[in-house]
Amino acid sequence: MIDVMATSGTEQAVVADRVARLFTEILSPAVLVATVLFAVAWASADSPMSALVTGVIAAAAASFLPIAYILHGVRRGSWTDRHVGVRAQRTLPMLVCLGSTASGTLALAAAGAPRDLLALIACMAAALVVATPITLLARWKISIHSLVAAGTAVTFTVVFGWVLLFTWPLAAAVGWSRVHLRDHTIAQVLAGALVGACATGLLYPTLR
């Protein structure tokens, strides 16, 4: 009986690990950032072509280019994994992400992007302005996964209404996955969620 219970417990732990890894991967910052930017571009642009062009600019700056830089660094051995789990390795990735997102904001402004989209990427840059010194100067690994997941859930609610309230449990699942995988503490996940939710829940409605 004890052996059966031990085996069952082990199997449950394996399943939990796989589920946590699934949430971490499919709801990663790069995926969510690109998704929410394209969604807001589509909802706010005056034509499909405008939505495509401005969405690509925004997603390239805030998602595609930063993750490409990170993956290149992983291949070179500069950091251990694409989530840059080691806090000491986060300096360049976070600075590149901040610089790229800020540059994307300027590019969208120059291209006459819809105000909603411009406001959103500006909020992303603002959230990184808060998270970057916390990570690099305070040496505390605030969760970027949780920041982006919470910010995405709030953005979807602000833009599309309460019909997308289901995105909030998904954001919570992302936070759980980061704690379960021991990549972050509960405090780091909650802090990330707070920054992301404030950026899109308070700043975004003011700018859009």
Protein backbone atom coordinates (compact mmCIF):
# COMPACT_ATOMS: atom_id res chain seq x y z
CA MET A 1 0.00 0.00 0.00
CA ILE A 2 2.80 2.39 0.92
CA ASP A 3 4.59 1.62 -2.36
CA VAL A 4 1.39 2.30 -4.31
CA MET A 5 0.86 5.61 -2.54
CA ALA A 6 4.48 6.62 -3.15
CA THR A 7 4.18 5.74 -6.82
CA SER A 8 0.92 7.70 -7.10
CA GLY A 9 2.52 10.69 -5.43
CA THR A 10 5.47 10.54 -7.78
CA GLU A 11 3.20 10.36 -10.82
CA GLN A 12 1.20 13.34 -9.59
CA ALA A 13 4.39 15.31 -9.08
CA VAL A 14 5.51 14.48 -12.62
CA VAL A 15 2.14 15.59 -14.03
CA ALA A 16 2.28 18.83 -12.03
CA ASP A 17 5.79 19.52 -13.30
CA ARG A 18 4.68 18.96 -16.90
CA VAL A 19 1.65 21.21 -16.51
CA ALA A 20 3.76 23.93 -14.92
CA ARG A 21 6.32 23.69 -17.71
CA LEU A 22 3.50 23.85 -20.28
CA PHE A 23 2.11 27.07 -18.80
CA THR A 24 5.60 28.55 -18.59
CA GLU A 25 6.32 27.81 -22.24
CA ILE A 26 3.05 28.45 -24.07
CA LEU A 27 2.28 31.56 -21.99
CA SER A 28 5.82 32.91 -22.01
CA PRO A 29 6.41 36.68 -22.16
CA ALA A 30 7.41 36.60 -25.83
CA VAL A 31 4.22 34.75 -26.79
CA LEU A 32 1.87 36.91 -24.71
CA VAL A 33 3.46 40.21 -25.71
CA ALA A 34 3.15 39.43 -29.41
CA THR A 35 -0.42 38.14 -28.96
CA VAL A 36 -1.72 41.16 -27.07
CA LEU A 37 0.00 43.65 -29.38
CA PHE A 38 -1.47 42.05 -32.50
CA ALA A 39 -4.89 41.88 -30.83
CA VAL A 40 -4.86 45.56 -29.91
CA ALA A 41 -3.49 46.50 -33.33
CA TRP A 42 -6.37 44.63 -34.98
CA ALA A 43 -8.95 46.21 -32.68
CA SER A 44 -7.69 49.78 -33.07
CA ALA A 45 -6.37 50.09 -36.64
CA ASP A 46 -8.55 51.57 -39.37
CA SER A 47 -7.70 48.83 -41.87
CA PRO A 48 -6.37 45.25 -41.90
CA MET A 49 -3.16 46.41 -43.61
CA SER A 50 -2.58 49.07 -40.96
CA ALA A 51 -3.20 46.50 -38.25
CA LEU A 52 -0.69 44.13 -39.85
CA VAL A 53 2.03 46.74 -40.33
CA THR A 54 1.76 48.35 -36.91
CA GLY A 55 1.29 44.97 -35.23
CA VAL A 56 4.46 43.63 -36.83
CA ILE A 57 6.44 46.73 -35.80
CA ALA A 58 5.20 46.49 -32.24
CA ALA A 59 5.66 42.73 -31.90
CA ALA A 60 9.10 42.84 -33.50
CA ALA A 61 10.29 45.49 -31.08
CA ALA A 62 8.78 44.10 -27.88
CA SER A 63 8.84 40.36 -28.59
CA PHE A 64 10.57 39.00 -31.69
CA LEU A 65 13.86 40.90 -31.49
CA PRO A 66 14.38 40.45 -27.72
CA ILE A 67 13.64 36.72 -27.80
CA ALA A 68 15.86 36.30 -30.86
CA TYR A 69 18.67 38.01 -28.97
CA ILE A 70 18.10 35.76 -25.96
CA LEU A 71 18.02 32.58 -28.03
CA HIS A 72 21.24 33.64 -29.75
CA GLY A 73 22.80 34.11 -26.33
CA VAL A 74 21.65 30.67 -25.23
CA ARG A 75 23.26 29.09 -28.29
CA ARG A 76 26.49 30.94 -27.54
CA GLY A 77 26.38 29.85 -23.90
CA SER A 78 25.97 33.40 -22.56
CA TRP A 79 22.98 32.34 -20.43
CA THR A 80 21.58 29.03 -19.36
CA ASP A 81 18.09 29.03 -20.90
CA ARG A 82 15.64 31.12 -22.90
CA HIS A 83 13.91 32.29 -19.75
CA VAL A 84 17.26 33.49 -18.34
CA GLY A 85 16.58 31.86 -15.01
CA VAL A 86 19.84 32.96 -13.43
CA ARG A 87 19.39 36.50 -12.10
CA ALA A 88 23.03 37.44 -12.63
CA GLN A 89 22.64 36.71 -16.36
CA ARG A 90 19.67 39.04 -16.83
CA THR A 91 21.51 42.34 -17.26
CA LEU A 92 21.95 42.41 -21.04
CA PRO A 93 18.67 40.64 -21.91
CA MET A 94 16.63 43.07 -19.83
CA LEU A 95 18.46 46.13 -21.14
CA VAL A 96 18.04 44.90 -24.72
CA CYS A 97 14.35 44.25 -24.13
CA LEU A 98 13.88 47.69 -22.59
CA GLY A 99 15.80 49.43 -25.37
CA SER A 100 14.01 47.52 -28.11
CA THR A 101 10.57 48.17 -26.63
CA ALA A 102 11.30 51.86 -26.17
CA SER A 103 12.57 52.06 -29.76
CA GLY A 104 9.41 50.34 -30.93
CA THR A 105 7.35 52.96 -29.13
CA LEU A 106 9.17 55.72 -31.01
CA ALA A 107 8.85 53.85 -34.32
CA LEU A 108 5.11 53.41 -33.85
CA ALA A 109 4.71 57.08 -32.99
CA ALA A 110 6.59 58.03 -36.16
CA ALA A 111 4.44 55.63 -38.20
CA GLY A 112 1.22 57.16 -36.88
CA ALA A 113 0.11 53.98 -35.15
CA PRO A 114 -3.32 53.84 -33.48
CA ARG A 115 -3.32 55.51 -30.08
CA ASP A 116 -4.40 52.33 -28.28
CA LEU A 117 -1.46 50.37 -29.65
CA LEU A 118 1.02 53.16 -29.01
CA ALA A 119 -0.23 53.49 -25.44
CA LEU A 120 0.11 49.75 -24.85
CA ILE A 121 3.70 49.42 -25.98
CA ALA A 122 4.56 52.57 -24.01
CA CYS A 123 3.08 50.89 -20.92
CA MET A 124 5.22 47.83 -21.61
CA ALA A 125 8.29 50.02 -21.72
CA ALA A 126 7.21 51.71 -18.48
CA ALA A 127 6.78 48.33 -16.75
CA LEU A 128 10.30 47.38 -17.83
CA VAL A 129 11.61 50.68 -16.49
CA VAL A 130 10.29 49.56 -13.10
CA ALA A 131 11.28 45.88 -13.33
CA THR A 132 14.80 46.37 -14.71
CA PRO A 133 16.35 48.23 -11.76
CA ILE A 134 14.59 45.91 -9.32
CA THR A 135 16.35 43.00 -11.00
CA LEU A 136 19.70 44.58 -11.78
CA LEU A 137 20.22 47.03 -8.93
CA ALA A 138 18.18 45.58 -6.09
CA ARG A 139 19.31 42.10 -7.19
CA TRP A 140 15.84 40.64 -6.77
CA LYS A 141 14.47 38.45 -9.53
CA ILE A 142 11.02 39.90 -10.07
CA SER A 143 8.96 37.61 -12.31
CA ILE A 144 8.70 38.89 -15.88
CA HIS A 145 6.44 35.94 -16.72
CA SER A 146 3.98 37.10 -14.09
CA LEU A 147 4.36 40.76 -15.04
CA VAL A 148 3.48 40.09 -18.66
CA ALA A 149 0.71 37.59 -17.89
CA ALA A 150 -1.04 39.97 -15.48
CA GLY A 151 -0.56 42.91 -17.83
CA THR A 152 -1.98 40.91 -20.72
CA ALA A 153 -5.06 39.83 -18.76
CA VAL A 154 -5.78 43.40 -17.67
CA THR A 155 -5.22 44.74 -21.19
CA PHE A 156 -7.64 42.25 -22.72
CA THR A 157 -10.24 43.23 -20.12
CA VAL A 158 -9.73 46.97 -20.68
CA VAL A 159 -9.86 46.70 -24.48
CA PHE A 160 -12.36 43.91 -25.07
CA GLY A 161 -14.42 43.94 -21.88
CA TRP A 162 -15.25 41.42 -19.20
CA VAL A 163 -15.94 38.73 -21.79
CA LEU A 164 -12.20 37.99 -21.58
CA LEU A 165 -12.21 37.65 -17.81
CA PHE A 166 -11.03 34.04 -18.31
CA THR A 167 -7.56 35.39 -19.08
CA TRP A 168 -7.12 36.24 -15.39
CA PRO A 169 -7.03 32.60 -14.22
CA LEU A 170 -4.49 31.95 -16.97
CA ALA A 171 -2.31 34.72 -15.53
CA ALA A 172 -2.64 33.10 -12.11
CA ALA A 173 -1.66 29.76 -13.64
CA VAL A 174 1.49 31.33 -15.05
CA GLY A 175 2.38 32.65 -11.60
CA TRP A 176 1.76 29.23 -10.07
CA SER A 177 3.98 27.59 -12.69
CA ARG A 178 6.89 29.89 -11.90
CA VAL A 179 6.67 29.11 -8.19
CA HIS A 180 6.11 25.38 -8.75
CA LEU A 181 9.20 25.16 -10.97
CA ARG A 182 11.13 27.07 -8.29
CA ASP A 183 12.15 29.76 -10.72
CA HIS A 184 10.59 32.43 -8.49
CA THR A 185 9.27 32.93 -5.00
CA ILE A 186 5.64 33.81 -4.31
CA ALA A 187 6.73 37.37 -3.49
CA GLN A 188 8.56 37.73 -6.81
CA VAL A 189 5.52 36.48 -8.72
CA LEU A 190 3.14 38.80 -6.86
CA ALA A 191 5.47 41.76 -7.38
CA GLY A 192 5.65 41.06 -11.10
CA ALA A 193 1.88 40.76 -11.33
CA LEU A 194 1.46 44.06 -9.46
CA VAL A 195 3.79 45.93 -11.83
CA GLY A 196 2.13 44.48 -14.92
CA ALA A 197 -1.41 45.06 -13.66
CA CYS A 198 -0.66 48.66 -12.65
CA ALA A 199 1.00 49.44 -15.99
CA THR A 200 -2.01 48.28 -18.00
CA GLY A 201 -4.75 48.87 -15.45
CA LEU A 202 -3.78 52.38 -14.37
CA LEU A 203 -1.38 53.85 -16.90
CA TYR A 204 -2.83 52.35 -20.08
CA PRO A 205 -6.38 53.75 -19.68
CA THR A 206 -4.81 57.18 -19.07
CA LEU A 207 -2.70 57.10 -22.23
CA ARG A 208 -5.10 55.47 -24.70
